[in-house]
């Protein structure tokens, strides 16, 4: 990651941090995964590199759901993911966000 932080590579940071976040989540280190998502969002905002924003919002929703966070926060994250994907006209990102939200709602009903 330190090599990627060098000038010229900064555009790769949000995608690499998203991958790091997913790995941390799979390792059951979800609070750290959320930190990686926050860092990726900050980099994307600072350098106006927003291609990964919809996916970062979706990941935030997934991670919050796995931690049993407030339903309003989870729904807001999935809503942000859908809204961003629509703005970007990305059908694949929209479908990923819809599927993640549907899975969350299904799990919520089962509880």
PDB file of N, CA and C in Angstrom:
ATOM      1  N   UNK A   1       0.822  -1.194   0.000  1.00  0.00           N
ATOM      2  CA  UNK A   1       0.000   0.000   0.000  1.00  0.00           C
ATOM      3  C   UNK A   1       0.866   1.258   0.000  1.00  0.00           C
ATOM      4  N   UNK A   2       2.027   1.196   0.660  1.00  0.00           N
ATOM      5  CA  UNK A   2       2.848   2.414   0.705  1.00  0.00           C
ATOM      6  C   UNK A   2       3.360   2.789  -0.683  1.00  0.00           C
ATOM      7  N   UNK A   3       3.654   1.794  -1.534  1.00  0.00           N
ATOM      8  CA  UNK A   3       4.085   2.094  -2.904  1.00  0.00           C
ATOM      9  C   UNK A   3       2.977   2.779  -3.689  1.00  0.00           C
ATOM     10  N   UNK A   4       1.759   2.387  -3.429  1.00  0.00           N
ATOM     11  CA  UNK A   4       0.619   2.933  -4.161  1.00  0.00           C
ATOM     12  C   UNK A   4       0.336   4.370  -3.745  1.00  0.00           C
ATOM     13  N   UNK A   5       0.726   4.738  -2.553  1.00  0.00           N
ATOM     14  CA  UNK A   5       0.487   6.101  -2.073  1.00  0.00           C
ATOM     15  C   UNK A   5       1.385   7.135  -2.765  1.00  0.00           C
ATOM     16  N   UNK A   6       2.351   6.673  -3.529  1.00  0.00           N
ATOM     17  CA  UNK A   6       3.242   7.598  -4.241  1.00  0.00           C
ATOM     18  C   UNK A   6       2.443   8.368  -5.290  1.00  0.00           C
ATOM     19  N   UNK A   7       2.870   9.583  -5.582  1.00  0.00           N
ATOM     20  CA  UNK A   7       2.159  10.377  -6.597  1.00  0.00           C
ATOM     21  C   UNK A   7       2.042   9.598  -7.906  1.00  0.00           C
ATOM     22  N   UNK A   8       0.917   9.734  -8.548  1.00  0.00           N
ATOM     23  CA  UNK A   8       0.680   9.030  -9.801  1.00  0.00           C
ATOM     24  C   UNK A   8      -0.087   7.732  -9.630  1.00  0.00           C
ATOM     25  N   UNK A   9       0.002   7.150  -8.454  1.00  0.00           N
ATOM     26  CA  UNK A   9      -0.711   5.908  -8.193  1.00  0.00           C
ATOM     27  C   UNK A   9      -1.956   6.126  -7.337  1.00  0.00           C
ATOM     28  N   UNK A  10      -2.188   7.328  -6.934  1.00  0.00           N
ATOM     29  CA  UNK A  10      -3.262   7.623  -5.986  1.00  0.00           C
ATOM     30  C   UNK A  10      -4.636   7.225  -6.538  1.00  0.00           C
ATOM     31  N   UNK A  11      -4.809   7.228  -7.840  1.00  0.00           N
ATOM     32  CA  UNK A  11      -6.096   6.850  -8.435  1.00  0.00           C
ATOM     33  C   UNK A  11      -6.438   5.390  -8.167  1.00  0.00           C
ATOM     34  N   UNK A  12      -5.442   4.576  -7.879  1.00  0.00           N
ATOM     35  CA  UNK A  12      -5.665   3.162  -7.574  1.00  0.00           C
ATOM     36  C   UNK A  12      -6.087   2.929  -6.129  1.00  0.00           C
ATOM     37  N   UNK A  13      -5.884   3.911  -5.294  1.00  0.00           N
ATOM     38  CA  UNK A  13      -6.119   3.725  -3.862  1.00  0.00           C
ATOM     39  C   UNK A  13      -7.533   3.288  -3.499  1.00  0.00           C
ATOM     40  N   UNK A  14      -8.592   3.923  -3.996  1.00  0.00           N
ATOM     41  CA  UNK A  14      -9.921   3.473  -3.581  1.00  0.00           C
ATOM     42  C   UNK A  14     -10.182   1.999  -3.905  1.00  0.00           C
ATOM     43  N   UNK A  15      -9.762   1.551  -5.076  1.00  0.00           N
ATOM     44  CA  UNK A  15      -9.999   0.149  -5.427  1.00  0.00           C
ATOM     45  C   UNK A  15      -9.176  -0.785  -4.556  1.00  0.00           C
ATOM     46  N   UNK A  16      -7.944  -0.431  -4.295  1.00  0.00           N
ATOM     47  CA  UNK A  16      -7.103  -1.283  -3.450  1.00  0.00           C
ATOM     48  C   UNK A  16      -7.595  -1.294  -2.002  1.00  0.00           C
ATOM     49  N   UNK A  17      -8.041  -0.161  -1.526  1.00  0.00           N
ATOM     50  CA  UNK A  17      -8.586  -0.111  -0.165  1.00  0.00           C
ATOM     51  C   UNK A  17      -9.892  -0.882  -0.064  1.00  0.00           C
ATOM     52  N   UNK A  18     -10.680  -0.905  -1.136  1.00  0.00           N
ATOM     53  CA  UNK A  18     -11.906  -1.716  -1.146  1.00  0.00           C
ATOM     54  C   UNK A  18     -11.557  -3.197  -1.040  1.00  0.00           C
ATOM     55  N   UNK A  19     -10.539  -3.624  -1.768  1.00  0.00           N
ATOM     56  CA  UNK A  19     -10.090  -5.021  -1.682  1.00  0.00           C
ATOM     57  C   UNK A  19      -9.553  -5.334  -0.287  1.00  0.00           C
ATOM     58  N   UNK A  20      -8.814  -4.399   0.275  1.00  0.00           N
ATOM     59  CA  UNK A  20      -8.305  -4.574   1.639  1.00  0.00           C
ATOM     60  C   UNK A  20      -9.469  -4.710   2.618  1.00  0.00           C
ATOM     61  N   UNK A  21     -10.480  -3.873   2.443  1.00  0.00           N
ATOM     62  CA  UNK A  21     -11.642  -3.920   3.329  1.00  0.00           C
ATOM     63  C   UNK A  21     -12.344  -5.271   3.243  1.00  0.00           C
ATOM     64  N   UNK A  22     -12.516  -5.780   2.030  1.00  0.00           N
ATOM     65  CA  UNK A  22     -13.155  -7.088   1.890  1.00  0.00           C
ATOM     66  C   UNK A  22     -12.330  -8.186   2.554  1.00  0.00           C
ATOM     67  N   UNK A  23     -11.019  -8.129   2.403  1.00  0.00           N
ATOM     68  CA  UNK A  23     -10.152  -9.123   3.038  1.00  0.00           C
ATOM     69  C   UNK A  23     -10.249  -9.038   4.560  1.00  0.00           C
ATOM     70  N   UNK A  24     -10.242  -7.823   5.089  1.00  0.00           N
ATOM     71  CA  UNK A  24     -10.379  -7.658   6.542  1.00  0.00           C
ATOM     72  C   UNK A  24     -11.716  -8.193   7.028  1.00  0.00           C
ATOM     73  N   UNK A  25     -12.767  -7.930   6.284  1.00  0.00           N
ATOM     74  CA  UNK A  25     -14.092  -8.422   6.664  1.00  0.00           C
ATOM     75  C   UNK A  25     -14.110  -9.956   6.678  1.00  0.00           C
ATOM     76  N   UNK A  26     -13.535 -10.563   5.653  1.00  0.00           N
ATOM     77  CA  UNK A  26     -13.485 -12.029   5.594  1.00  0.00           C
ATOM     78  C   UNK A  26     -12.651 -12.615   6.726  1.00  0.00           C
ATOM     79  N   UNK A  27     -11.688 -11.836   7.221  1.00  0.00           N
ATOM     80  CA  UNK A  27     -10.861 -12.258   8.346  1.00  0.00           C
ATOM     81  C   UNK A  27     -11.522 -11.926   9.682  1.00  0.00           C
ATOM     82  N   UNK A  28     -12.789 -11.525   9.624  1.00  0.00           N
ATOM     83  CA  UNK A  28     -13.567 -11.174  10.821  1.00  0.00           C
ATOM     84  C   UNK A  28     -12.976  -9.972  11.565  1.00  0.00           C
ATOM     85  N   UNK A  29     -12.461  -9.034  10.796  1.00  0.00           N
ATOM     86  CA  UNK A  29     -11.918  -7.787  11.338  1.00  0.00           C
ATOM     87  C   UNK A  29     -12.712  -6.631  10.734  1.00  0.00           C
ATOM     88  N   UNK A  30     -14.026  -6.725  10.900  1.00  0.00           N
ATOM     89  CA  UNK A  30     -14.938  -5.788  10.243  1.00  0.00           C
ATOM     90  C   UNK A  30     -14.760  -4.341  10.694  1.00  0.00           C
ATOM     91  N   UNK A  31     -14.496  -4.061  11.964  1.00  0.00           N
ATOM     92  CA  UNK A  31     -14.257  -2.652  12.311  1.00  0.00           C
ATOM     93  C   UNK A  31     -13.090  -2.050  11.516  1.00  0.00           C
ATOM     94  N   UNK A  32     -12.043  -2.837  11.306  1.00  0.00           N
ATOM     95  CA  UNK A  32     -10.915  -2.356  10.502  1.00  0.00           C
ATOM     96  C   UNK A  32     -11.319  -2.229   9.029  1.00  0.00           C
ATOM     97  N   UNK A  33     -12.204  -3.107   8.580  1.00  0.00           N
ATOM     98  CA  UNK A  33     -12.701  -3.031   7.207  1.00  0.00           C
ATOM     99  C   UNK A  33     -13.448  -1.714   6.994  1.00  0.00           C
ATOM    100  N   UNK A  34     -14.247  -1.322   7.976  1.00  0.00           N
ATOM    101  CA  UNK A  34     -14.960  -0.045   7.878  1.00  0.00           C
ATOM    102  C   UNK A  34     -13.989   1.131   7.847  1.00  0.00           C
ATOM    103  N   UNK A  35     -12.895   1.029   8.581  1.00  0.00           N
ATOM    104  CA  UNK A  35     -11.875   2.080   8.545  1.00  0.00           C
ATOM    105  C   UNK A  35     -11.267   2.180   7.142  1.00  0.00           C
ATOM    106  N   UNK A  36     -11.021   1.031   6.508  1.00  0.00           N
ATOM    107  CA  UNK A  36     -10.461   1.030   5.147  1.00  0.00           C
ATOM    108  C   UNK A  36     -11.450   1.657   4.164  1.00  0.00           C
ATOM    109  N   UNK A  37     -12.741   1.381   4.348  1.00  0.00           N
ATOM    110  CA  UNK A  37     -13.764   1.991   3.496  1.00  0.00           C
ATOM    111  C   UNK A  37     -13.773   3.504   3.688  1.00  0.00           C
ATOM    112  N   UNK A  38     -13.694   3.938   4.926  1.00  0.00           N
ATOM    113  CA  UNK A  38     -13.666   5.386   5.199  1.00  0.00           C
ATOM    114  C   UNK A  38     -12.443   6.046   4.573  1.00  0.00           C
ATOM    115  N   UNK A  39     -11.307   5.383   4.656  1.00  0.00           N
ATOM    116  CA  UNK A  39     -10.094   5.920   4.047  1.00  0.00           C
ATOM    117  C   UNK A  39     -10.247   6.002   2.523  1.00  0.00           C
ATOM    118  N   UNK A  40     -10.812   4.958   1.937  1.00  0.00           N
ATOM    119  CA  UNK A  40     -11.026   4.942   0.478  1.00  0.00           C
ATOM    120  C   UNK A  40     -11.969   6.061   0.058  1.00  0.00           C
ATOM    121  N   UNK A  41     -13.024   6.276   0.845  1.00  0.00           N
ATOM    122  CA  UNK A  41     -13.963   7.356   0.530  1.00  0.00           C
ATOM    123  C   UNK A  41     -13.284   8.718   0.614  1.00  0.00           C
ATOM    124  N   UNK A  42     -12.423   8.892   1.607  1.00  0.00           N
ATOM    125  CA  UNK A  42     -11.713  10.164   1.760  1.00  0.00           C
ATOM    126  C   UNK A  42     -10.770  10.414   0.579  1.00  0.00           C
ATOM    127  N   UNK A  43     -10.073   9.370   0.145  1.00  0.00           N
ATOM    128  CA  UNK A  43      -9.170   9.505  -1.003  1.00  0.00           C
ATOM    129  C   UNK A  43      -9.971   9.811  -2.261  1.00  0.00           C
ATOM    130  N   UNK A  44     -11.073   9.095  -2.446  1.00  0.00           N
ATOM    131  CA  UNK A  44     -11.915   9.315  -3.628  1.00  0.00           C
ATOM    132  C   UNK A  44     -12.436  10.749  -3.657  1.00  0.00           C
ATOM    133  N   UNK A  45     -12.830  11.249  -2.518  1.00  0.00           N
ATOM    134  CA  UNK A  45     -13.343  12.618  -2.430  1.00  0.00           C
ATOM    135  C   UNK A  45     -12.223  13.639  -2.692  1.00  0.00           C
ATOM    136  N   UNK A  46     -11.109  13.420  -2.055  1.00  0.00           N
ATOM    137  CA  UNK A  46     -10.006  14.384  -2.177  1.00  0.00           C
ATOM    138  C   UNK A  46      -9.500  14.499  -3.606  1.00  0.00           C
ATOM    139  N   UNK A  47      -9.392  13.365  -4.287  1.00  0.00           N
ATOM    140  CA  UNK A  47      -8.828  13.370  -5.641  1.00  0.00           C
ATOM    141  C   UNK A  47      -9.899  13.255  -6.729  1.00  0.00           C
ATOM    142  N   UNK A  48     -11.160  13.401  -6.313  1.00  0.00           N
ATOM    143  CA  UNK A  48     -12.293  13.347  -7.235  1.00  0.00           C
ATOM    144  C   UNK A  48     -12.241  12.107  -8.124  1.00  0.00           C
ATOM    145  N   UNK A  49     -11.913  10.991  -7.504  1.00  0.00           N
ATOM    146  CA  UNK A  49     -11.826   9.697  -8.174  1.00  0.00           C
ATOM    147  C   UNK A  49     -13.001   8.866  -7.662  1.00  0.00           C
ATOM    148  N   UNK A  50     -14.157   9.050  -8.280  1.00  0.00           N
ATOM    149  CA  UNK A  50     -15.398   8.517  -7.711  1.00  0.00           C
ATOM    150  C   UNK A  50     -15.893   7.214  -8.335  1.00  0.00           C
ATOM    151  N   UNK A  51     -15.093   6.586  -9.149  1.00  0.00           N
ATOM    152  CA  UNK A  51     -15.534   5.363  -9.826  1.00  0.00           C
ATOM    153  C   UNK A  51     -15.908   4.256  -8.841  1.00  0.00           C
ATOM    154  N   UNK A  52     -15.286   4.247  -7.668  1.00  0.00           N
ATOM    155  CA  UNK A  52     -15.534   3.190  -6.694  1.00  0.00           C
ATOM    156  C   UNK A  52     -16.533   3.585  -5.607  1.00  0.00           C
ATOM    157  N   UNK A  53     -17.095   4.757  -5.670  1.00  0.00           N
ATOM    158  CA  UNK A  53     -17.961   5.231  -4.581  1.00  0.00           C
ATOM    159  C   UNK A  53     -19.185   4.343  -4.353  1.00  0.00           C
ATOM    160  N   UNK A  54     -19.847   3.907  -5.412  1.00  0.00           N
ATOM    161  CA  UNK A  54     -21.030   3.055  -5.235  1.00  0.00           C
ATOM    162  C   UNK A  54     -20.654   1.759  -4.522  1.00  0.00           C
ATOM    163  N   UNK A  55     -19.552   1.167  -4.935  1.00  0.00           N
ATOM    164  CA  UNK A  55     -19.109  -0.085  -4.308  1.00  0.00           C
ATOM    165  C   UNK A  55     -18.700   0.142  -2.857  1.00  0.00           C
ATOM    166  N   UNK A  56     -18.078   1.260  -2.566  1.00  0.00           N
ATOM    167  CA  UNK A  56     -17.697   1.550  -1.184  1.00  0.00           C
ATOM    168  C   UNK A  56     -18.930   1.715  -0.295  1.00  0.00           C
ATOM    169  N   UNK A  57     -19.966   2.382  -0.804  1.00  0.00           N
ATOM    170  CA  UNK A  57     -21.214   2.498  -0.030  1.00  0.00           C
ATOM    171  C   UNK A  57     -21.831   1.123   0.201  1.00  0.00           C
ATOM    172  N   UNK A  58     -21.812   0.290  -0.830  1.00  0.00           N
ATOM    173  CA  UNK A  58     -22.375  -1.065  -0.705  1.00  0.00           C
ATOM    174  C   UNK A  58     -21.612  -1.863   0.346  1.00  0.00           C
ATOM    175  N   UNK A  59     -20.286  -1.790   0.288  1.00  0.00           N
ATOM    176  CA  UNK A  59     -19.477  -2.509   1.273  1.00  0.00           C
ATOM    177  C   UNK A  59     -19.767  -2.018   2.686  1.00  0.00           C
ATOM    178  N   UNK A  60     -19.920  -0.704   2.839  1.00  0.00           N
ATOM    179  CA  UNK A  60     -20.257  -0.163   4.162  1.00  0.00           C
ATOM    180  C   UNK A  60     -21.557  -0.793   4.669  1.00  0.00           C
ATOM    181  N   UNK A  61     -22.557  -0.882   3.802  1.00  0.00           N
ATOM    182  CA  UNK A  61     -23.822  -1.500   4.201  1.00  0.00           C
ATOM    183  C   UNK A  61     -23.656  -2.957   4.600  1.00  0.00           C
ATOM    184  N   UNK A  62     -22.909  -3.700   3.828  1.00  0.00           N
ATOM    185  CA  UNK A  62     -22.663  -5.115   4.134  1.00  0.00           C
ATOM    186  C   UNK A  62     -21.950  -5.262   5.470  1.00  0.00           C
ATOM    187  N   UNK A  63     -20.927  -4.450   5.677  1.00  0.00           N
ATOM    188  CA  UNK A  63     -20.152  -4.551   6.913  1.00  0.00           C
ATOM    189  C   UNK A  63     -20.982  -4.139   8.127  1.00  0.00           C
ATOM    190  N   UNK A  64     -21.731  -3.066   7.989  1.00  0.00           N
ATOM    191  CA  UNK A  64     -22.589  -2.631   9.100  1.00  0.00           C
ATOM    192  C   UNK A  64     -23.620  -3.696   9.432  1.00  0.00           C
ATOM    193  N   UNK A  65     -24.197  -4.313   8.409  1.00  0.00           N
ATOM    194  CA  UNK A  65     -25.194  -5.369   8.635  1.00  0.00           C
ATOM    195  C   UNK A  65     -24.568  -6.544   9.380  1.00  0.00           C
ATOM    196  N   UNK A  66     -23.349  -6.906   9.008  1.00  0.00           N
ATOM    197  CA  UNK A  66     -22.701  -8.048   9.666  1.00  0.00           C
ATOM    198  C   UNK A  66     -22.386  -7.761  11.129  1.00  0.00           C
ATOM    199  N   UNK A  67     -22.259  -6.472  11.456  1.00  0.00           N
ATOM    200  CA  UNK A  67     -21.978  -6.077  12.836  1.00  0.00           C
ATOM    201  C   UNK A  67     -23.251  -5.849  13.644  1.00  0.00           C
ATOM    202  N   UNK A  68     -24.409  -5.945  12.975  1.00  0.00           N
ATOM    203  CA  UNK A  68     -25.670  -5.715  13.669  1.00  0.00           C
ATOM    204  C   UNK A  68     -25.903  -4.249  13.992  1.00  0.00           C
ATOM    205  N   UNK A  69     -25.436  -3.367  13.139  1.00  0.00           N
ATOM    206  CA  UNK A  69     -25.592  -1.927  13.346  1.00  0.00           C
ATOM    207  C   UNK A  69     -27.052  -1.508  13.175  1.00  0.00           C
ATOM    208  N   UNK A  70     -27.307  -0.247  13.428  1.00  0.00           N
ATOM    209  CA  UNK A  70     -28.642   0.324  13.283  1.00  0.00           C
ATOM    210  C   UNK A  70     -29.152   0.145  11.851  1.00  0.00           C
ATOM    211  N   UNK A  71     -30.398  -0.309  11.723  1.00  0.00           N
ATOM    212  CA  UNK A  71     -30.990  -0.535  10.412  1.00  0.00           C
ATOM    213  C   UNK A  71     -31.028   0.707   9.544  1.00  0.00           C
ATOM    214  N   UNK A  72     -31.190   1.861  10.145  1.00  0.00           N
ATOM    215  CA  UNK A  72     -31.204   3.106   9.388  1.00  0.00           C
ATOM    216  C   UNK A  72     -29.871   3.387   8.719  1.00  0.00           C
ATOM    217  N   UNK A  73     -28.779   3.109   9.424  1.00  0.00           N
ATOM    218  CA  UNK A  73     -27.440   3.295   8.850  1.00  0.00           C
ATOM    219  C   UNK A  73     -27.210   2.334   7.689  1.00  0.00           C
ATOM    220  N   UNK A  74     -27.656   1.103   7.874  1.00  0.00           N
ATOM    221  CA  UNK A  74     -27.471   0.081   6.846  1.00  0.00           C
ATOM    222  C   UNK A  74     -28.261   0.451   5.598  1.00  0.00           C
ATOM    223  N   UNK A  75     -29.526   0.795   5.791  1.00  0.00           N
ATOM    224  CA  UNK A  75     -30.374   1.174   4.650  1.00  0.00           C
ATOM    225  C   UNK A  75     -29.830   2.418   3.950  1.00  0.00           C
ATOM    226  N   UNK A  76     -29.298   3.360   4.728  1.00  0.00           N
ATOM    227  CA  UNK A  76     -28.733   4.571   4.139  1.00  0.00           C
ATOM    228  C   UNK A  76     -27.524   4.234   3.267  1.00  0.00           C
ATOM    229  N   UNK A  77     -26.685   3.312   3.731  1.00  0.00           N
ATOM    230  CA  UNK A  77     -25.511   2.924   2.949  1.00  0.00           C
ATOM    231  C   UNK A  77     -25.924   2.272   1.637  1.00  0.00           C
ATOM    232  N   UNK A  78     -26.900   1.361   1.700  1.00  0.00           N
ATOM    233  CA  UNK A  78     -27.369   0.727   0.468  1.00  0.00           C
ATOM    234  C   UNK A  78     -28.071   1.739  -0.441  1.00  0.00           C
ATOM    235  N   UNK A  79     -28.807   2.659   0.152  1.00  0.00           N
ATOM    236  CA  UNK A  79     -29.451   3.712  -0.636  1.00  0.00           C
ATOM    237  C   UNK A  79     -28.430   4.591  -1.341  1.00  0.00           C
ATOM    238  N   UNK A  80     -27.354   4.939  -0.630  1.00  0.00           N
ATOM    239  CA  UNK A  80     -26.277   5.728  -1.238  1.00  0.00           C
ATOM    240  C   UNK A  80     -25.623   4.962  -2.387  1.00  0.00           C
ATOM    241  N   UNK A  81     -25.443   3.655  -2.191  1.00  0.00           N
ATOM    242  CA  UNK A  81     -24.839   2.828  -3.246  1.00  0.00           C
ATOM    243  C   UNK A  81     -25.721   2.825  -4.492  1.00  0.00           C
ATOM    244  N   UNK A  82     -27.019   2.649  -4.291  1.00  0.00           N
ATOM    245  CA  UNK A  82     -27.947   2.639  -5.433  1.00  0.00           C
ATOM    246  C   UNK A  82     -27.991   3.994  -6.127  1.00  0.00           C
ATOM    247  N   UNK A  83     -28.075   5.047  -5.370  1.00  0.00           N
ATOM    248  CA  UNK A  83     -28.144   6.400  -5.928  1.00  0.00           C
ATOM    249  C   UNK A  83     -26.871   6.710  -6.734  1.00  0.00           C
ATOM    250  N   UNK A  84     -25.732   6.361  -6.180  1.00  0.00           N
ATOM    251  CA  UNK A  84     -24.465   6.622  -6.859  1.00  0.00           C
ATOM    252  C   UNK A  84     -24.348   5.790  -8.134  1.00  0.00           C
ATOM    253  N   UNK A  85     -24.742   4.526  -8.063  1.00  0.00           N
ATOM    254  CA  UNK A  85     -24.687   3.662  -9.253  1.00  0.00           C
ATOM    255  C   UNK A  85     -25.593   4.207 -10.355  1.00  0.00           C
ATOM    256  N   UNK A  86     -26.769   4.694  -9.970  1.00  0.00           N
ATOM    257  CA  UNK A  86     -27.674   5.290 -10.967  1.00  0.00           C
ATOM    258  C   UNK A  86     -27.051   6.529 -11.605  1.00  0.00           C
ATOM    259  N   UNK A  87     -26.458   7.378 -10.780  1.00  0.00           N
ATOM    260  CA  UNK A  87     -25.809   8.588 -11.300  1.00  0.00           C
ATOM    261  C   UNK A  87     -24.672   8.241 -12.257  1.00  0.00           C
ATOM    262  N   UNK A  88     -23.975   7.152 -11.957  1.00  0.00           N
ATOM    263  CA  UNK A  88     -22.864   6.719 -12.798  1.00  0.00           C
ATOM    264  C   UNK A  88     -23.341   5.893 -13.998  1.00  0.00           C
ATOM    265  N   UNK A  89     -24.651   5.620 -14.020  1.00  0.00           N
ATOM    266  CA  UNK A  89     -25.234   4.803 -15.080  1.00  0.00           C
ATOM    267  C   UNK A  89     -24.561   3.433 -15.172  1.00  0.00           C
ATOM    268  N   UNK A  90     -24.317   2.842 -13.991  1.00  0.00           N
ATOM    269  CA  UNK A  90     -23.662   1.541 -13.908  1.00  0.00           C
ATOM    270  C   UNK A  90     -24.679   0.480 -13.490  1.00  0.00           C
ATOM    271  N   UNK A  91     -25.119  -0.287 -14.450  1.00  0.00           N
ATOM    272  CA  UNK A  91     -26.113  -1.329 -14.175  1.00  0.00           C
ATOM    273  C   UNK A  91     -25.532  -2.403 -13.264  1.00  0.00           C
ATOM    274  N   UNK A  92     -24.286  -2.794 -13.499  1.00  0.00           N
ATOM    275  CA  UNK A  92     -23.691  -3.854 -12.683  1.00  0.00           C
ATOM    276  C   UNK A  92     -23.568  -3.438 -11.218  1.00  0.00           C
ATOM    277  N   UNK A  93     -23.136  -2.195 -10.964  1.00  0.00           N
ATOM    278  CA  UNK A  93     -23.036  -1.734  -9.579  1.00  0.00           C
ATOM    279  C   UNK A  93     -24.410  -1.583  -8.943  1.00  0.00           C
ATOM    280  N   UNK A  94     -25.388  -1.176  -9.731  1.00  0.00           N
ATOM    281  CA  UNK A  94     -26.751  -1.060  -9.217  1.00  0.00           C
ATOM    282  C   UNK A  94     -27.279  -2.445  -8.823  1.00  0.00           C
ATOM    283  N   UNK A  95     -27.034  -3.437  -9.662  1.00  0.00           N
ATOM    284  CA  UNK A  95     -27.507  -4.797  -9.354  1.00  0.00           C
ATOM    285  C   UNK A  95     -26.803  -5.367  -8.134  1.00  0.00           C
ATOM    286  N   UNK A  96     -25.523  -5.084  -7.978  1.00  0.00           N
ATOM    287  CA  UNK A  96     -24.801  -5.548  -6.781  1.00  0.00           C
ATOM    288  C   UNK A  96     -25.401  -4.929  -5.522  1.00  0.00           C
ATOM    289  N   UNK A  97     -25.670  -3.640  -5.579  1.00  0.00           N
ATOM    290  CA  UNK A  97     -26.249  -2.950  -4.419  1.00  0.00           C
ATOM    291  C   UNK A  97     -27.649  -3.481  -4.127  1.00  0.00           C
ATOM    292  N   UNK A  98     -28.445  -3.690  -5.168  1.00  0.00           N
ATOM    293  CA  UNK A  98     -29.795  -4.231  -4.975  1.00  0.00           C
ATOM    294  C   UNK A  98     -29.739  -5.622  -4.356  1.00  0.00           C
ATOM    295  N   UNK A  99     -28.835  -6.451  -4.838  1.00  0.00           N
ATOM    296  CA  UNK A  99     -28.710  -7.812  -4.315  1.00  0.00           C
ATOM    297  C   UNK A  99     -28.267  -7.803  -2.856  1.00  0.00           C
ATOM    298  N   UNK A 100     -27.327  -6.941  -2.517  1.00  0.00           N
ATOM    299  CA  UNK A 100     -26.858  -6.863  -1.129  1.00  0.00           C
ATOM    300  C   UNK A 100     -27.959  -6.367  -0.205  1.00  0.00           C
ATOM    301  N   UNK A 101     -28.715  -5.367  -0.663  1.00  0.00           N
ATOM    302  CA  UNK A 101     -29.816  -4.861   0.158  1.00  0.00           C
ATOM    303  C   UNK A 101     -30.903  -5.921   0.312  1.00  0.00           C
ATOM    304  N   UNK A 102     -31.208  -6.644  -0.746  1.00  0.00           N
ATOM    305  CA  UNK A 102     -32.219  -7.701  -0.680  1.00  0.00           C
ATOM    306  C   UNK A 102     -31.780  -8.810   0.278  1.00  0.00           C
ATOM    307  N   UNK A 103     -30.512  -9.154   0.243  1.00  0.00           N
ATOM    308  CA  UNK A 103     -29.998 -10.183   1.162  1.00  0.00           C
ATOM    309  C   UNK A 103     -30.094  -9.701   2.603  1.00  0.00           C
ATOM    310  N   UNK A 104     -29.741  -8.441   2.836  1.00  0.00           N
ATOM    311  CA  UNK A 104     -29.848  -7.877   4.185  1.00  0.00           C
ATOM    312  C   UNK A 104     -31.295  -7.923   4.672  1.00  0.00           C
ATOM    313  N   UNK A 105     -32.217  -7.501   3.834  1.00  0.00           N
ATOM    314  CA  UNK A 105     -33.629  -7.483   4.228  1.00  0.00           C
ATOM    315  C   UNK A 105     -34.153  -8.903   4.471  1.00  0.00           C
ATOM    316  N   UNK A 106     -33.709  -9.841   3.675  1.00  0.00           N
ATOM    317  CA  UNK A 106     -34.127 -11.227   3.851  1.00  0.00           C
ATOM    318  C   UNK A 106     -33.627 -11.775   5.198  1.00  0.00           C
ATOM    319  N   UNK A 107     -32.371 -11.505   5.505  1.00  0.00           N
ATOM    320  CA  UNK A 107     -31.803 -11.953   6.778  1.00  0.00           C
ATOM    321  C   UNK A 107     -32.518 -11.272   7.953  1.00  0.00           C
ATOM    322  N   UNK A 108     -32.865 -10.020   7.771  1.00  0.00           N
ATOM    323  CA  UNK A 108     -33.562  -9.258   8.829  1.00  0.00           C
ATOM    324  C   UNK A 108     -34.922  -9.880   9.113  1.00  0.00           C
ATOM    325  N   UNK A 109     -35.637 -10.279   8.044  1.00  0.00           N
ATOM    326  CA  UNK A 109     -36.962 -10.903   8.228  1.00  0.00           C
ATOM    327  C   UNK A 109     -36.855 -12.249   8.931  1.00  0.00           C
ATOM    328  N   UNK A 110     -35.796 -12.995   8.679  1.00  0.00           N
ATOM    329  CA  UNK A 110     -35.610 -14.315   9.286  1.00  0.00           C
ATOM    330  C   UNK A 110     -35.372 -14.219  10.786  1.00  0.00           C
ATOM    331  N   UNK A 111     -34.809 -13.093  11.211  1.00  0.00           N
ATOM    332  CA  UNK A 111     -34.547 -12.914  12.647  1.00  0.00           C
ATOM    333  C   UNK A 111     -35.833 -12.613  13.312  1.00  0.00           C
TER     334      UNK A 111
END
